[in-house]
Structure formats: structure tokens, C-alpha cells
């Protein structure tokens, strides 16, 4: 059985697995942008960019808002906290492992 926090984490990592979606997140991290502004640097259709935005939105990584005839997209950085918390467990593991490796090499020098 998959609980809601696992499903949320899966959704976030799925969204982050694509380089175009990661690039879109980076682009909207500086300031909110219209869908047209987001699509401009990519050699894909507006429909393809819209599909990427739907994946990011379903992972709660972005917010879309309609303003007149435009859709404005902004980053929801708080949603990345879930992934960061999961990764921090492994950061502790790697820090311990790298510290042990450093200690080993320092012992070899003596």
C-alpha cells in the first residue's frame, strides 16, 4: 500500500526526472512567467510545454494562475522540501562514508 507522502514523493521525483521540466522549474524560480515565455526557448510545441506544466502542477511544484488571456506560472518551492527531506537521510550516509574514506587516506599518508 502506498501512503500519501510516498505518492507525493514519487510524483515529485517523476516530475524532476525530465530535463525540460527541471529547466522550466529553474526558469520560474527567478520570477513568474507566462506559458508563452516558458515555451519560447524550447523547440517543442506549446502543447508539449503544456504537458510538462501539467506534470509539474500535479506534483505541486508550480502554481498556474489565469490573468486575462494569459496563464502565469510560478514556482512552489515549498513542495521541494519533501524531496529535500528524503534526500537528507542519504546525505548523512554519504557524509559518513566520505569522512571514513578521508580518514583512511590520511592514515595511508603517515
Protein backbone atom coordinates (compact mmCIF):
# COMPACT_ATOMS: atom_id res chain seq x y z
CA UNK A 1 0.00 0.00 0.00
CA UNK A 2 1.29 3.44 -0.94
CA UNK A 3 0.69 6.22 1.57
CA UNK A 4 0.13 9.83 0.59
CA UNK A 5 3.66 11.02 1.43
CA UNK A 6 5.15 8.24 -0.70
CA UNK A 7 2.83 9.10 -3.58
CA UNK A 8 3.74 12.79 -3.25
CA UNK A 9 7.46 11.95 -3.27
CA UNK A 10 7.00 9.69 -6.32
CA UNK A 11 5.16 12.48 -8.10
CA UNK A 12 7.91 14.99 -7.34
CA UNK A 13 10.73 12.71 -8.48
CA UNK A 14 8.79 11.78 -11.61
CA UNK A 15 8.39 15.49 -12.42
CA UNK A 16 12.09 16.13 -11.76
CA UNK A 17 13.20 13.17 -13.89
CA UNK A 18 12.81 15.13 -17.11
CA UNK A 19 15.45 17.73 -18.09
CA UNK A 20 12.89 20.02 -19.73
CA UNK A 21 10.79 20.11 -16.57
CA UNK A 22 13.88 20.81 -14.45
CA UNK A 23 14.75 23.64 -16.83
CA UNK A 24 11.22 25.04 -16.56
CA UNK A 25 11.45 24.98 -12.76
CA UNK A 26 14.75 26.84 -12.93
CA UNK A 27 13.21 29.42 -15.28
CA UNK A 28 10.26 30.15 -12.99
CA UNK A 29 12.40 30.17 -9.85
CA UNK A 30 13.64 33.66 -10.71
CA UNK A 31 10.23 35.16 -11.42
CA UNK A 32 6.77 34.14 -12.54
CA UNK A 33 6.37 33.75 -16.30
CA UNK A 34 3.60 33.29 -18.81
CA UNK A 35 3.30 29.94 -20.57
CA UNK A 36 4.45 31.66 -23.78
CA UNK A 37 7.60 32.97 -22.06
CA UNK A 38 8.30 29.49 -20.68
CA UNK A 39 7.83 27.84 -24.09
CA UNK A 40 9.98 30.30 -26.05
CA UNK A 41 13.44 28.70 -25.52
CA UNK A 42 12.27 25.15 -26.33
CA UNK A 43 12.00 23.57 -29.75
CA UNK A 44 8.72 21.88 -28.93
CA UNK A 45 5.10 22.83 -29.41
CA UNK A 46 3.14 24.89 -26.93
CA UNK A 47 1.05 21.75 -26.32
CA UNK A 48 4.19 19.82 -25.34
CA UNK A 49 5.21 22.54 -22.90
CA UNK A 50 1.68 22.50 -21.51
CA UNK A 51 2.00 18.75 -20.85
CA UNK A 52 5.23 19.37 -18.94
CA UNK A 53 3.48 22.06 -16.92
CA UNK A 54 0.66 19.64 -16.07
CA UNK A 55 3.18 17.16 -14.68
CA UNK A 56 4.86 19.90 -12.62
CA UNK A 57 1.48 21.13 -11.44
CA UNK A 58 0.29 17.66 -10.44
CA UNK A 59 3.48 17.33 -8.35
CA UNK A 60 2.57 20.69 -6.78
CA UNK A 61 5.92 22.14 -7.91
CA UNK A 62 4.29 25.06 -9.72
CA UNK A 63 1.15 27.15 -9.46
CA UNK A 64 -0.70 28.28 -12.57
CA UNK A 65 -2.99 31.28 -12.49
CA UNK A 66 -5.14 32.73 -15.26
CA UNK A 67 -4.71 36.50 -15.69
CA UNK A 68 -6.81 37.82 -18.51
CA UNK A 69 -5.84 35.85 -21.59
CA UNK A 70 -2.54 34.67 -20.08
CA UNK A 71 -1.61 31.82 -17.79
CA UNK A 72 1.09 32.80 -15.32
CA UNK A 73 3.29 30.14 -13.75
CA UNK A 74 5.31 30.45 -10.56
CA UNK A 75 7.44 28.06 -8.55
CA UNK A 76 6.10 26.41 -5.41
CA UNK A 77 9.49 25.87 -3.76
CA UNK A 78 7.90 24.55 -0.56
CA UNK A 79 6.92 21.36 -2.40
CA UNK A 80 10.60 20.62 -2.96
CA UNK A 81 11.02 20.32 0.81
CA UNK A 82 9.56 16.78 0.65
CA UNK A 83 12.30 15.66 -1.75
CA UNK A 84 14.98 17.52 0.20
CA UNK A 85 13.96 15.82 3.45
CA UNK A 86 14.09 12.40 1.80
CA UNK A 87 17.50 13.11 0.26
CA UNK A 88 18.93 14.48 3.52
CA UNK A 89 18.85 10.98 5.03
CA UNK A 90 21.21 9.81 2.28
CA UNK A 91 23.33 12.93 2.58
CA UNK A 92 24.15 11.86 6.14
CA UNK A 93 25.13 8.40 4.86
CA UNK A 94 27.42 9.81 2.18
CA UNK A 95 28.99 12.31 4.58
CA UNK A 96 29.84 9.49 7.00
CA UNK A 97 31.23 7.36 4.16
CA UNK A 98 33.32 10.19 2.73
CA UNK A 99 34.61 11.12 6.19
CA UNK A 100 35.70 7.50 6.70
CA UNK A 101 37.41 7.49 3.30
CA UNK A 102 39.24 10.73 4.15
CA UNK A 103 40.38 9.26 7.46
CA UNK A 104 41.64 6.16 5.63
CA UNK A 105 43.66 8.20 3.12
CA UNK A 106 45.08 10.43 5.83
CA UNK A 107 46.24 7.27 7.65
CA UNK A 108 47.88 5.98 4.45
CA UNK A 109 49.92 9.20 4.11
CA UNK A 110 51.55 8.67 7.52
